[in-house]
Amino acid sequence: MQIIVNGKTKELEEETLLADLVNELGYAESSVAVVIDGRLWPRSKWNQKLLVDGQCLEFVSPMQGG
């Protein structure tokens, strides 16, 4: 299946959990937020969210400032 991650197409196995993708991309230990198709997914649900073909994911880092 294919998904879009930060604007780039990525091939994944079927039945891929969001938590597994986060680990694969090296974001597991960082402070990132994940937005899937415009919806923010809380870290507490990453182990429950199965990704599906065609989804668009954005990994964003919090910024400070004003």
PDB file of N, CA and C in Angstrom:
ATOM      1  N   MET A   1       0.844  -1.184   0.000  1.00  0.00           N
ATOM      2  CA  MET A   1       0.000   0.000   0.000  1.00  0.00           C
ATOM      3  C   MET A   1       0.883   1.240   0.000  1.00  0.00           C
ATOM      4  N   GLN A   2       0.326   2.349  -0.412  1.00  0.00           N
ATOM      5  CA  GLN A   2       1.064   3.609  -0.448  1.00  0.00           C
ATOM      6  C   GLN A   2       0.384   4.637   0.450  1.00  0.00           C
ATOM      7  N   ILE A   3       1.233   5.393   1.145  1.00  0.00           N
ATOM      8  CA  ILE A   3       0.761   6.540   1.910  1.00  0.00           C
ATOM      9  C   ILE A   3       1.652   7.724   1.543  1.00  0.00           C
ATOM     10  N   ILE A   4       1.258   8.893   1.974  1.00  0.00           N
ATOM     11  CA  ILE A   4       2.060  10.100   1.770  1.00  0.00           C
ATOM     12  C   ILE A   4       2.576  10.533   3.141  1.00  0.00           C
ATOM     13  N   VAL A   5       3.900  10.667   3.276  1.00  0.00           N
ATOM     14  CA  VAL A   5       4.515  11.096   4.529  1.00  0.00           C
ATOM     15  C   VAL A   5       5.284  12.381   4.264  1.00  0.00           C
ATOM     16  N   ASN A   6       4.824  13.466   4.876  1.00  0.00           N
ATOM     17  CA  ASN A   6       5.441  14.785   4.702  1.00  0.00           C
ATOM     18  C   ASN A   6       5.662  15.111   3.223  1.00  0.00           C
ATOM     19  N   GLY A   7       4.649  14.816   2.416  1.00  0.00           N
ATOM     20  CA  GLY A   7       4.664  15.173   1.008  1.00  0.00           C
ATOM     21  C   GLY A   7       5.330  14.168   0.078  1.00  0.00           C
ATOM     22  N   LYS A   8       5.838  13.049   0.614  1.00  0.00           N
ATOM     23  CA  LYS A   8       6.517  12.054  -0.218  1.00  0.00           C
ATOM     24  C   LYS A   8       5.807  10.709  -0.111  1.00  0.00           C
ATOM     25  N   THR A   9       5.704  10.025  -1.236  1.00  0.00           N
ATOM     26  CA  THR A   9       5.061   8.722  -1.278  1.00  0.00           C
ATOM     27  C   THR A   9       5.944   7.683  -0.593  1.00  0.00           C
ATOM     28  N   LYS A  10       5.303   6.816   0.204  1.00  0.00           N
ATOM     29  CA  LYS A  10       6.028   5.752   0.904  1.00  0.00           C
ATOM     30  C   LYS A  10       5.248   4.454   0.773  1.00  0.00           C
ATOM     31  N   GLU A  11       5.963   3.381   0.440  1.00  0.00           N
ATOM     32  CA  GLU A  11       5.367   2.048   0.371  1.00  0.00           C
ATOM     33  C   GLU A  11       5.400   1.409   1.756  1.00  0.00           C
ATOM     34  N   LEU A  12       4.291   0.783   2.145  1.00  0.00           N
ATOM     35  CA  LEU A  12       4.198   0.095   3.430  1.00  0.00           C
ATOM     36  C   LEU A  12       3.576  -1.274   3.233  1.00  0.00           C
ATOM     37  N   GLU A  13       3.869  -2.165   4.173  1.00  0.00           N
ATOM     38  CA  GLU A  13       3.177  -3.446   4.242  1.00  0.00           C
ATOM     39  C   GLU A  13       1.749  -3.187   4.717  1.00  0.00           C
ATOM     40  N   GLU A  14       0.834  -4.051   4.311  1.00  0.00           N
ATOM     41  CA  GLU A  14      -0.523  -3.981   4.857  1.00  0.00           C
ATOM     42  C   GLU A  14      -0.441  -4.217   6.355  1.00  0.00           C
ATOM     43  N   GLU A  15      -1.416  -3.742   7.096  1.00  0.00           N
ATOM     44  CA  GLU A  15      -1.476  -3.942   8.542  1.00  0.00           C
ATOM     45  C   GLU A  15      -0.337  -3.248   9.295  1.00  0.00           C
ATOM     46  N   THR A  16       0.116  -2.095   8.812  1.00  0.00           N
ATOM     47  CA  THR A  16       1.157  -1.338   9.497  1.00  0.00           C
ATOM     48  C   THR A  16       0.527  -0.409  10.530  1.00  0.00           C
ATOM     49  N   LEU A  17       1.013  -0.502  11.750  1.00  0.00           N
ATOM     50  CA  LEU A  17       0.559   0.396  12.811  1.00  0.00           C
ATOM     51  C   LEU A  17       1.310   1.722  12.728  1.00  0.00           C
ATOM     52  N   LEU A  18       0.652   2.780  13.133  1.00  0.00           N
ATOM     53  CA  LEU A  18       1.296   4.091  13.182  1.00  0.00           C
ATOM     54  C   LEU A  18       2.549   4.037  14.049  1.00  0.00           C
ATOM     55  N   ALA A  19       2.495   3.372  15.190  1.00  0.00           N
ATOM     56  CA  ALA A  19       3.658   3.272  16.079  1.00  0.00           C
ATOM     57  C   ALA A  19       4.848   2.630  15.376  1.00  0.00           C
ATOM     58  N   ASP A  20       4.596   1.635  14.537  1.00  0.00           N
ATOM     59  CA  ASP A  20       5.685   0.975  13.806  1.00  0.00           C
ATOM     60  C   ASP A  20       6.312   1.924  12.786  1.00  0.00           C
ATOM     61  N   LEU A  21       5.494   2.710  12.112  1.00  0.00           N
ATOM     62  CA  LEU A  21       6.025   3.684  11.161  1.00  0.00           C
ATOM     63  C   LEU A  21       6.837   4.750  11.875  1.00  0.00           C
ATOM     64  N   VAL A  22       6.355   5.228  13.003  1.00  0.00           N
ATOM     65  CA  VAL A  22       7.083   6.225  13.795  1.00  0.00           C
ATOM     66  C   VAL A  22       8.464   5.685  14.159  1.00  0.00           C
ATOM     67  N   ASN A  23       8.528   4.432  14.601  1.00  0.00           N
ATOM     68  CA  ASN A  23       9.812   3.809  14.934  1.00  0.00           C
ATOM     69  C   ASN A  23      10.699   3.681  13.706  1.00  0.00           C
ATOM     70  N   GLU A  24      10.143   3.224  12.604  1.00  0.00           N
ATOM     71  CA  GLU A  24      10.900   3.044  11.365  1.00  0.00           C
ATOM     72  C   GLU A  24      11.527   4.349  10.888  1.00  0.00           C
ATOM     73  N   LEU A  25      10.793   5.440  11.035  1.00  0.00           N
ATOM     74  CA  LEU A  25      11.279   6.738  10.567  1.00  0.00           C
ATOM     75  C   LEU A  25      12.198   7.427  11.578  1.00  0.00           C
ATOM     76  N   GLY A  26      12.368   6.830  12.757  1.00  0.00           N
ATOM     77  CA  GLY A  26      13.283   7.375  13.753  1.00  0.00           C
ATOM     78  C   GLY A  26      12.714   8.482  14.616  1.00  0.00           C
ATOM     79  N   TYR A  27      11.399   8.572  14.676  1.00  0.00           N
ATOM     80  CA  TYR A  27      10.759   9.620  15.459  1.00  0.00           C
ATOM     81  C   TYR A  27      10.325   9.163  16.850  1.00  0.00           C
ATOM     82  N   ALA A  28      10.551   7.916  17.210  1.00  0.00           N
ATOM     83  CA  ALA A  28      10.016   7.360  18.456  1.00  0.00           C
ATOM     84  C   ALA A  28      10.476   8.114  19.695  1.00  0.00           C
ATOM     85  N   GLU A  29      11.708   8.560  19.694  1.00  0.00           N
ATOM     86  CA  GLU A  29      12.243   9.241  20.881  1.00  0.00           C
ATOM     87  C   GLU A  29      12.139  10.764  20.805  1.00  0.00           C
ATOM     88  N   SER A  30      11.572  11.284  19.740  1.00  0.00           N
ATOM     89  CA  SER A  30      11.487  12.736  19.594  1.00  0.00           C
ATOM     90  C   SER A  30      10.084  13.236  19.940  1.00  0.00           C
ATOM     91  N   SER A  31       9.984  14.525  20.098  1.00  0.00           N
ATOM     92  CA  SER A  31       8.697  15.154  20.406  1.00  0.00           C
ATOM     93  C   SER A  31       8.031  15.573  19.104  1.00  0.00           C
ATOM     94  N   VAL A  32       7.346  14.628  18.487  1.00  0.00           N
ATOM     95  CA  VAL A  32       6.634  14.945  17.269  1.00  0.00           C
ATOM     96  C   VAL A  32       5.149  14.734  17.475  1.00  0.00           C
ATOM     97  N   ALA A  33       4.399  15.434  16.687  1.00  0.00           N
ATOM     98  CA  ALA A  33       2.961  15.216  16.609  1.00  0.00           C
ATOM     99  C   ALA A  33       2.691  14.599  15.248  1.00  0.00           C
ATOM    100  N   VAL A  34       1.667  13.758  15.172  1.00  0.00           N
ATOM    101  CA  VAL A  34       1.316  13.116  13.913  1.00  0.00           C
ATOM    102  C   VAL A  34      -0.090  13.551  13.528  1.00  0.00           C
ATOM    103  N   VAL A  35      -0.193  14.052  12.313  1.00  0.00           N
ATOM    104  CA  VAL A  35      -1.479  14.454  11.758  1.00  0.00           C
ATOM    105  C   VAL A  35      -1.773  13.528  10.586  1.00  0.00           C
ATOM    106  N   ILE A  36      -2.913  12.858  10.634  1.00  0.00           N
ATOM    107  CA  ILE A  36      -3.319  11.951   9.565  1.00  0.00           C
ATOM    108  C   ILE A  36      -4.581  12.509   8.930  1.00  0.00           C
ATOM    109  N   ASP A  37      -4.485  12.829   7.650  1.00  0.00           N
ATOM    110  CA  ASP A  37      -5.622  13.383   6.912  1.00  0.00           C
ATOM    111  C   ASP A  37      -6.273  14.542   7.658  1.00  0.00           C
ATOM    112  N   GLY A  38      -5.431  15.414   8.210  1.00  0.00           N
ATOM    113  CA  GLY A  38      -5.918  16.614   8.872  1.00  0.00           C
ATOM    114  C   GLY A  38      -6.326  16.438  10.323  1.00  0.00           C
ATOM    115  N   ARG A  39      -6.171  15.225  10.858  1.00  0.00           N
ATOM    116  CA  ARG A  39      -6.586  14.959  12.245  1.00  0.00           C
ATOM    117  C   ARG A  39      -5.365  14.593  13.084  1.00  0.00           C
ATOM    118  N   LEU A  40      -5.215  15.253  14.212  1.00  0.00           N
ATOM    119  CA  LEU A  40      -4.118  14.978  15.128  1.00  0.00           C
ATOM    120  C   LEU A  40      -4.370  13.659  15.850  1.00  0.00           C
ATOM    121  N   TRP A  41      -3.343  12.779  15.852  1.00  0.00           N
ATOM    122  CA  TRP A  41      -3.450  11.490  16.544  1.00  0.00           C
ATOM    123  C   TRP A  41      -2.617  11.531  17.811  1.00  0.00           C
ATOM    124  N   PRO A  42      -3.238  11.360  18.968  1.00  0.00           N
ATOM    125  CA  PRO A  42      -2.490  11.391  20.219  1.00  0.00           C
ATOM    126  C   PRO A  42      -1.542  10.191  20.321  1.00  0.00           C
ATOM    127  N   ARG A  43      -0.402  10.424  20.922  1.00  0.00           N
ATOM    128  CA  ARG A  43       0.620   9.377  21.095  1.00  0.00           C
ATOM    129  C   ARG A  43       0.037   8.132  21.764  1.00  0.00           C
ATOM    130  N   SER A  44      -0.912   8.311  22.653  1.00  0.00           N
ATOM    131  CA  SER A  44      -1.512   7.179  23.374  1.00  0.00           C
ATOM    132  C   SER A  44      -2.272   6.219  22.456  1.00  0.00           C
ATOM    133  N   LYS A  45      -2.575   6.639  21.234  1.00  0.00           N
ATOM    134  CA  LYS A  45      -3.326   5.794  20.293  1.00  0.00           C
ATOM    135  C   LYS A  45      -2.481   5.295  19.122  1.00  0.00           C
ATOM    136  N   TRP A  46      -1.192   5.609  19.115  1.00  0.00           N
ATOM    137  CA  TRP A  46      -0.324   5.190  18.004  1.00  0.00           C
ATOM    138  C   TRP A  46      -0.263   3.671  17.872  1.00  0.00           C
ATOM    139  N   ASN A  47      -0.329   2.944  18.982  1.00  0.00           N
ATOM    140  CA  ASN A  47      -0.272   1.478  18.939  1.00  0.00           C
ATOM    141  C   ASN A  47      -1.583   0.847  18.491  1.00  0.00           C
ATOM    142  N   GLN A  48      -2.618   1.646  18.315  1.00  0.00           N
ATOM    143  CA  GLN A  48      -3.929   1.134  17.921  1.00  0.00           C
ATOM    144  C   GLN A  48      -4.304   1.525  16.489  1.00  0.00           C
ATOM    145  N   LYS A  49      -3.612   2.510  15.937  1.00  0.00           N
ATOM    146  CA  LYS A  49      -3.992   3.059  14.633  1.00  0.00           C
ATOM    147  C   LYS A  49      -3.353   2.273  13.489  1.00  0.00           C
ATOM    148  N   LEU A  50      -4.174   1.542  12.737  1.00  0.00           N
ATOM    149  CA  LEU A  50      -3.709   0.879  11.528  1.00  0.00           C
ATOM    150  C   LEU A  50      -3.779   1.875  10.373  1.00  0.00           C
ATOM    151  N   LEU A  51      -2.706   1.966   9.640  1.00  0.00           N
ATOM    152  CA  LEU A  51      -2.674   2.866   8.485  1.00  0.00           C
ATOM    153  C   LEU A  51      -3.348   2.194   7.303  1.00  0.00           C
ATOM    154  N   VAL A  52      -3.952   3.006   6.448  1.00  0.00           N
ATOM    155  CA  VAL A  52      -4.630   2.476   5.259  1.00  0.00           C
ATOM    156  C   VAL A  52      -4.106   3.174   4.012  1.00  0.00           C
ATOM    157  N   ASP A  53      -4.267   2.498   2.900  1.00  0.00           N
ATOM    158  CA  ASP A  53      -3.795   2.989   1.618  1.00  0.00           C
ATOM    159  C   ASP A  53      -4.336   4.394   1.330  1.00  0.00           C
ATOM    160  N   GLY A  54      -3.438   5.260   0.890  1.00  0.00           N
ATOM    161  CA  GLY A  54      -3.831   6.598   0.467  1.00  0.00           C
ATOM    162  C   GLY A  54      -3.835   7.656   1.548  1.00  0.00           C
ATOM    163  N   GLN A  55      -3.575   7.285   2.799  1.00  0.00           N
ATOM    164  CA  GLN A  55      -3.590   8.287   3.862  1.00  0.00           C
ATOM    165  C   GLN A  55      -2.424   9.256   3.718  1.00  0.00           C
ATOM    166  N   CYS A  56      -2.640  10.460   4.194  1.00  0.00           N
ATOM    167  CA  CYS A  56      -1.628  11.517   4.158  1.00  0.00           C
ATOM    168  C   CYS A  56      -1.231  11.842   5.594  1.00  0.00           C
ATOM    169  N   LEU A  57       0.063  11.634   5.906  1.00  0.00           N
ATOM    170  CA  LEU A  57       0.577  11.865   7.249  1.00  0.00           C
ATOM    171  C   LEU A  57       1.554  13.018   7.244  1.00  0.00           C
ATOM    172  N   GLU A  58       1.497  13.804   8.290  1.00  0.00           N
ATOM    173  CA  GLU A  58       2.474  14.882   8.504  1.00  0.00           C
ATOM    174  C   GLU A  58       3.051  14.687   9.892  1.00  0.00           C
ATOM    175  N   PHE A  59       4.368  14.683   9.970  1.00  0.00           N
ATOM    176  CA  PHE A  59       5.072  14.643  11.243  1.00  0.00           C
ATOM    177  C   PHE A  59       5.561  16.066  11.499  1.00  0.00           C
ATOM    178  N   VAL A  60       5.119  16.638  12.610  1.00  0.00           N
ATOM    179  CA  VAL A  60       5.460  18.024  12.918  1.00  0.00           C
ATOM    180  C   VAL A  60       6.088  18.112  14.307  1.00  0.00           C
ATOM    181  N   SER A  61       7.083  18.978  14.419  1.00  0.00           N
ATOM    182  CA  SER A  61       7.750  19.208  15.692  1.00  0.00           C
ATOM    183  C   SER A  61       7.216  20.488  16.305  1.00  0.00           C
ATOM    184  N   PRO A  62       7.003  20.476  17.620  1.00  0.00           N
ATOM    185  CA  PRO A  62       6.536  21.705  18.265  1.00  0.00           C
ATOM    186  C   PRO A  62       7.614  22.792  18.214  1.00  0.00           C
ATOM    187  N   MET A  63       7.157  24.014  18.092  1.00  0.00           N
ATOM    188  CA  MET A  63       8.069  25.155  18.049  1.00  0.00           C
ATOM    189  C   MET A  63       7.694  26.116  19.157  1.00  0.00           C
ATOM    190  N   GLN A  64       8.698  26.774  19.709  1.00  0.00           N
ATOM    191  CA  GLN A  64       8.439  27.784  20.722  1.00  0.00           C
ATOM    192  C   GLN A  64       8.741  29.159  20.128  1.00  0.00           C
ATOM    193  N   GLY A  65       8.172  30.122  20.713  1.00  0.00           N
ATOM    194  CA  GLY A  65       8.418  31.490  20.242  1.00  0.00           C
ATOM    195  C   GLY A  65       7.139  32.278  20.244  1.00  0.00           C
ATOM    196  N   GLY A  66       7.265  33.462  19.737  1.00  0.00           N
ATOM    197  CA  GLY A  66       6.049  34.268  19.751  1.00  0.00           C
ATOM    198  C   GLY A  66       6.080  35.364  18.774  1.00  0.00           C
TER     199      GLY A  66
END
